[in-house]
Amino acid sequence: MVFLNSQQGVIAIEEMFKGTINQSAVYPREVVKQALKYNAASVIFAHNHPSGTLKASQANIKITEALKKALKPVDIKVLDHVIVAGGYFVSFVKVGLLG
């Protein structure tokens, strides 16, 4: 995760969760706690796809929406979610997955 201030300057970059080859447990409560710890105004999520595919899975889309919903009551915006695979990346914003 990238934690940003109100001018979108980077406050911190932190690895929040580790997964296996095909899944990772993500806990919205922990994401909110860390964002509040850094007094972040916004965040950017990123994760890798060891499979090499840049396509967001339904699970990726679902957890992004859950995180966005969890952060909304504390006025922290989700600016993007980036998937990295095989030296390439895709932005949820660029492909219309983050409204």
N, C-alpha and C. Protein backbone atom coordinates (compact mmCIF):
# COMPACT_ATOMS: atom_id res chain seq x y z
N MET A 1 0.83 -1.18 0.00
CA MET A 1 0.00 0.00 0.00
C MET A 1 0.87 1.23 0.00
N VAL A 2 0.37 2.24 -0.68
CA VAL A 2 1.00 3.55 -0.66
C VAL A 2 0.04 4.47 0.09
N PHE A 3 0.55 5.13 1.11
CA PHE A 3 -0.23 6.05 1.92
C PHE A 3 0.16 7.47 1.50
N LEU A 4 -0.84 8.30 1.21
CA LEU A 4 -0.57 9.64 0.69
C LEU A 4 -1.20 10.72 1.55
N ASN A 5 -0.59 11.90 1.54
CA ASN A 5 -1.15 13.04 2.27
C ASN A 5 -2.17 13.77 1.38
N SER A 6 -2.67 14.90 1.85
CA SER A 6 -3.72 15.61 1.12
C SER A 6 -3.23 16.22 -0.19
N GLN A 7 -1.93 16.38 -0.36
CA GLN A 7 -1.36 16.86 -1.62
C GLN A 7 -0.87 15.70 -2.49
N GLN A 8 -1.25 14.49 -2.13
CA GLN A 8 -0.89 13.26 -2.80
C GLN A 8 0.62 12.99 -2.77
N GLY A 9 1.27 13.50 -1.75
CA GLY A 9 2.66 13.16 -1.50
C GLY A 9 2.72 11.85 -0.73
N VAL A 10 3.72 11.05 -0.99
CA VAL A 10 3.85 9.75 -0.35
C VAL A 10 4.30 9.91 1.11
N ILE A 11 3.51 9.36 2.00
CA ILE A 11 3.85 9.33 3.43
C ILE A 11 4.64 8.06 3.72
N ALA A 12 4.14 6.94 3.21
CA ALA A 12 4.78 5.64 3.47
C ALA A 12 4.33 4.63 2.43
N ILE A 13 5.15 3.61 2.25
CA ILE A 13 4.82 2.46 1.43
C ILE A 13 5.01 1.24 2.31
N GLU A 14 4.00 0.41 2.39
CA GLU A 14 4.08 -0.72 3.31
C GLU A 14 3.46 -1.97 2.70
N GLU A 15 4.15 -3.09 2.88
CA GLU A 15 3.58 -4.38 2.50
C GLU A 15 2.64 -4.81 3.62
N MET A 16 1.38 -4.93 3.29
CA MET A 16 0.38 -5.22 4.31
C MET A 16 0.12 -6.71 4.50
N PHE A 17 0.06 -7.46 3.41
CA PHE A 17 -0.31 -8.87 3.49
C PHE A 17 0.54 -9.68 2.52
N LYS A 18 0.78 -10.94 2.88
CA LYS A 18 1.47 -11.87 1.99
C LYS A 18 0.50 -12.99 1.65
N GLY A 19 0.64 -13.48 0.44
CA GLY A 19 -0.26 -14.55 0.04
C GLY A 19 0.49 -15.75 -0.47
N THR A 20 -0.28 -16.68 -0.97
CA THR A 20 0.28 -17.87 -1.60
C THR A 20 0.36 -17.63 -3.10
N ILE A 21 0.59 -18.64 -3.85
CA ILE A 21 0.73 -18.51 -5.29
C ILE A 21 -0.57 -18.05 -5.96
N ASN A 22 -1.72 -18.31 -5.34
CA ASN A 22 -2.97 -17.94 -6.01
C ASN A 22 -3.99 -17.21 -5.13
N GLN A 23 -3.62 -16.83 -3.91
CA GLN A 23 -4.57 -16.09 -3.08
C GLN A 23 -3.87 -15.40 -1.92
N SER A 24 -4.56 -14.41 -1.38
CA SER A 24 -4.06 -13.69 -0.22
C SER A 24 -5.24 -13.23 0.61
N ALA A 25 -5.12 -13.33 1.91
CA ALA A 25 -6.15 -12.81 2.80
C ALA A 25 -5.88 -11.33 3.03
N VAL A 26 -6.89 -10.51 2.82
CA VAL A 26 -6.79 -9.06 3.03
C VAL A 26 -7.86 -8.68 4.03
N TYR A 27 -7.45 -7.91 5.05
CA TYR A 27 -8.36 -7.55 6.13
C TYR A 27 -8.62 -6.05 6.12
N PRO A 28 -9.81 -5.63 5.70
CA PRO A 28 -10.12 -4.19 5.64
C PRO A 28 -9.85 -3.45 6.95
N ARG A 29 -10.13 -4.07 8.07
CA ARG A 29 -9.90 -3.43 9.36
C ARG A 29 -8.43 -3.03 9.52
N GLU A 30 -7.52 -3.91 9.12
CA GLU A 30 -6.08 -3.62 9.22
C GLU A 30 -5.66 -2.51 8.27
N VAL A 31 -6.28 -2.48 7.11
CA VAL A 31 -6.00 -1.41 6.14
C VAL A 31 -6.42 -0.06 6.71
N VAL A 32 -7.60 0.00 7.29
CA VAL A 32 -8.10 1.24 7.89
C VAL A 32 -7.19 1.66 9.04
N LYS A 33 -6.80 0.72 9.89
CA LYS A 33 -5.91 1.04 11.03
C LYS A 33 -4.59 1.66 10.56
N GLN A 34 -3.98 1.07 9.52
CA GLN A 34 -2.71 1.60 9.04
C GLN A 34 -2.88 2.97 8.38
N ALA A 35 -3.95 3.13 7.63
CA ALA A 35 -4.19 4.43 6.99
C ALA A 35 -4.38 5.52 8.04
N LEU A 36 -5.10 5.20 9.11
CA LEU A 36 -5.28 6.16 10.19
C LEU A 36 -3.97 6.41 10.94
N LYS A 37 -3.18 5.37 11.12
CA LYS A 37 -1.87 5.52 11.79
C LYS A 37 -1.01 6.55 11.06
N TYR A 38 -1.03 6.52 9.74
CA TYR A 38 -0.23 7.45 8.94
C TYR A 38 -0.96 8.77 8.67
N ASN A 39 -2.18 8.88 9.16
CA ASN A 39 -3.00 10.06 8.90
C ASN A 39 -3.12 10.32 7.40
N ALA A 40 -3.30 9.26 6.65
CA ALA A 40 -3.37 9.34 5.19
C ALA A 40 -4.68 9.96 4.74
N ALA A 41 -4.60 10.73 3.67
CA ALA A 41 -5.79 11.29 3.04
C ALA A 41 -6.28 10.38 1.92
N SER A 42 -5.34 9.60 1.37
CA SER A 42 -5.69 8.68 0.29
C SER A 42 -4.68 7.53 0.27
N VAL A 43 -5.04 6.49 -0.48
CA VAL A 43 -4.18 5.32 -0.59
C VAL A 43 -4.20 4.78 -2.01
N ILE A 44 -3.17 4.03 -2.33
CA ILE A 44 -3.10 3.28 -3.58
C ILE A 44 -2.75 1.84 -3.18
N PHE A 45 -3.51 0.90 -3.70
CA PHE A 45 -3.23 -0.51 -3.46
C PHE A 45 -2.43 -1.07 -4.63
N ALA A 46 -1.61 -2.06 -4.36
CA ALA A 46 -0.88 -2.76 -5.41
C ALA A 46 -0.68 -4.20 -4.98
N HIS A 47 -0.72 -5.09 -5.95
CA HIS A 47 -0.40 -6.49 -5.66
C HIS A 47 0.10 -7.14 -6.94
N ASN A 48 0.76 -8.27 -6.77
CA ASN A 48 1.30 -8.96 -7.95
C ASN A 48 0.45 -10.16 -8.32
N HIS A 49 0.55 -10.52 -9.58
CA HIS A 49 -0.06 -11.74 -10.10
C HIS A 49 1.07 -12.64 -10.60
N PRO A 50 1.49 -13.60 -9.79
CA PRO A 50 2.58 -14.49 -10.20
C PRO A 50 2.26 -15.25 -11.48
N SER A 51 0.98 -15.39 -11.80
CA SER A 51 0.58 -16.11 -13.02
C SER A 51 0.99 -15.36 -14.28
N GLY A 52 1.26 -14.06 -14.14
CA GLY A 52 1.64 -13.25 -15.29
C GLY A 52 0.49 -12.55 -15.97
N THR A 53 -0.74 -12.84 -15.55
CA THR A 53 -1.89 -12.18 -16.16
C THR A 53 -2.15 -10.82 -15.51
N LEU A 54 -2.48 -9.84 -16.33
CA LEU A 54 -2.78 -8.51 -15.82
C LEU A 54 -4.27 -8.30 -15.58
N LYS A 55 -5.07 -9.28 -15.94
CA LYS A 55 -6.52 -9.16 -15.79
C LYS A 55 -6.92 -9.25 -14.31
N ALA A 56 -7.71 -8.28 -13.87
CA ALA A 56 -8.21 -8.29 -12.50
C ALA A 56 -9.25 -9.39 -12.34
N SER A 57 -9.11 -10.17 -11.28
CA SER A 57 -10.09 -11.23 -11.00
C SER A 57 -11.30 -10.62 -10.30
N GLN A 58 -12.38 -11.39 -10.23
CA GLN A 58 -13.55 -10.93 -9.48
C GLN A 58 -13.20 -10.71 -8.01
N ALA A 59 -12.30 -11.54 -7.48
CA ALA A 59 -11.86 -11.37 -6.09
C ALA A 59 -11.10 -10.05 -5.93
N ASN A 60 -10.28 -9.69 -6.92
CA ASN A 60 -9.56 -8.41 -6.88
C ASN A 60 -10.53 -7.24 -6.85
N ILE A 61 -11.53 -7.31 -7.71
CA ILE A 61 -12.52 -6.24 -7.80
C ILE A 61 -13.34 -6.16 -6.51
N LYS A 62 -13.73 -7.31 -5.99
CA LYS A 62 -14.55 -7.36 -4.78
C LYS A 62 -13.80 -6.79 -3.57
N ILE A 63 -12.53 -7.17 -3.38
CA ILE A 63 -11.79 -6.67 -2.21
C ILE A 63 -11.50 -5.18 -2.36
N THR A 64 -11.28 -4.71 -3.57
CA THR A 64 -11.06 -3.29 -3.78
C THR A 64 -12.30 -2.50 -3.37
N GLU A 65 -13.46 -2.98 -3.76
CA GLU A 65 -14.72 -2.31 -3.36
C GLU A 65 -14.92 -2.37 -1.85
N ALA A 66 -14.59 -3.51 -1.23
CA ALA A 66 -14.73 -3.64 0.22
C ALA A 66 -13.79 -2.67 0.95
N LEU A 67 -12.57 -2.53 0.45
CA LEU A 67 -11.61 -1.61 1.06
C LEU A 67 -12.05 -0.16 0.88
N LYS A 68 -12.54 0.14 -0.29
CA LYS A 68 -13.05 1.49 -0.57
C LYS A 68 -14.20 1.83 0.38
N LYS A 69 -15.09 0.88 0.57
CA LYS A 69 -16.24 1.06 1.46
C LYS A 69 -15.78 1.23 2.92
N ALA A 70 -14.77 0.46 3.34
CA ALA A 70 -14.27 0.54 4.71
C ALA A 70 -13.58 1.87 4.99
N LEU A 71 -12.91 2.42 3.99
CA LEU A 71 -12.17 3.68 4.16
C LEU A 71 -13.05 4.93 4.03
N LYS A 72 -14.17 4.81 3.38
CA LYS A 72 -15.04 5.96 3.13
C LYS A 72 -15.49 6.68 4.40
N PRO A 73 -15.94 5.99 5.45
CA PRO A 73 -16.41 6.69 6.66
C PRO A 73 -15.34 7.53 7.36
N VAL A 74 -14.07 7.23 7.10
CA VAL A 74 -12.99 8.01 7.72
C VAL A 74 -12.33 8.95 6.70
N ASP A 75 -13.03 9.21 5.60
CA ASP A 75 -12.61 10.18 4.58
C ASP A 75 -11.24 9.89 3.97
N ILE A 76 -10.96 8.63 3.72
CA ILE A 76 -9.73 8.25 3.04
C ILE A 76 -10.11 7.71 1.67
N LYS A 77 -9.56 8.34 0.64
CA LYS A 77 -9.91 7.97 -0.73
C LYS A 77 -8.97 6.89 -1.27
N VAL A 78 -9.53 6.02 -2.07
CA VAL A 78 -8.75 5.02 -2.80
C VAL A 78 -8.50 5.61 -4.19
N LEU A 79 -7.24 5.94 -4.47
CA LEU A 79 -6.90 6.57 -5.74
C LEU A 79 -6.72 5.56 -6.87
N ASP A 80 -6.22 4.36 -6.53
CA ASP A 80 -5.99 3.36 -7.57
C ASP A 80 -5.68 2.02 -6.92
N HIS A 81 -5.73 1.00 -7.75
CA HIS A 81 -5.28 -0.35 -7.39
C HIS A 81 -4.51 -0.83 -8.61
N VAL A 82 -3.28 -1.21 -8.40
CA VAL A 82 -2.39 -1.59 -9.49
C VAL A 82 -2.06 -3.07 -9.38
N ILE A 83 -2.17 -3.77 -10.49
CA ILE A 83 -1.75 -5.18 -10.57
C ILE A 83 -0.44 -5.22 -11.34
N VAL A 84 0.55 -5.89 -10.78
CA VAL A 84 1.86 -6.04 -11.41
C VAL A 84 2.04 -7.49 -11.81
N ALA A 85 2.50 -7.71 -13.05
CA ALA A 85 2.71 -9.08 -13.53
C ALA A 85 3.75 -9.08 -14.64
N GLY A 86 4.76 -9.89 -14.47
CA GLY A 86 5.75 -10.08 -15.52
C GLY A 86 6.41 -8.81 -16.05
N GLY A 87 6.67 -7.85 -15.18
CA GLY A 87 7.32 -6.62 -15.60
C GLY A 87 6.36 -5.58 -16.18
N TYR A 88 5.08 -5.88 -16.17
CA TYR A 88 4.05 -4.95 -16.66
C TYR A 88 3.08 -4.65 -15.53
N PHE A 89 2.23 -3.65 -15.73
CA PHE A 89 1.23 -3.35 -14.72
C PHE A 89 -0.03 -2.83 -15.39
N VAL A 90 -1.13 -2.90 -14.63
CA VAL A 90 -2.41 -2.34 -15.08
C VAL A 90 -3.02 -1.59 -13.90
N SER A 91 -3.61 -0.46 -14.21
CA SER A 91 -4.26 0.41 -13.24
C SER A 91 -5.77 0.20 -13.30
N PHE A 92 -6.39 0.00 -12.13
CA PHE A 92 -7.85 -0.12 -12.09
C PHE A 92 -8.50 1.15 -12.64
N VAL A 93 -7.93 2.30 -12.35
CA VAL A 93 -8.49 3.56 -12.84
C VAL A 93 -8.45 3.59 -14.37
N LYS A 94 -7.32 3.24 -14.95
CA LYS A 94 -7.17 3.30 -16.41
C LYS A 94 -8.12 2.37 -17.17
N VAL A 95 -8.46 1.22 -16.55
CA VAL A 95 -9.35 0.27 -17.22
C VAL A 95 -10.80 0.39 -16.74
N GLY A 96 -11.09 1.42 -15.94
CA GLY A 96 -12.46 1.69 -15.54
C GLY A 96 -13.01 0.80 -14.43
N LEU A 97 -12.15 0.21 -13.63
CA LEU A 97 -12.61 -0.67 -12.55
C LEU A 97 -12.74 0.05 -11.20
N LEU A 98 -12.32 1.30 -11.14
CA LEU A 98 -12.40 2.05 -9.89
C LEU A 98 -13.11 3.36 -10.19
N GLY A 99 -14.37 3.41 -9.77
CA GLY A 99 -15.17 4.60 -10.07
C GLY A 99 -15.27 5.56 -8.94
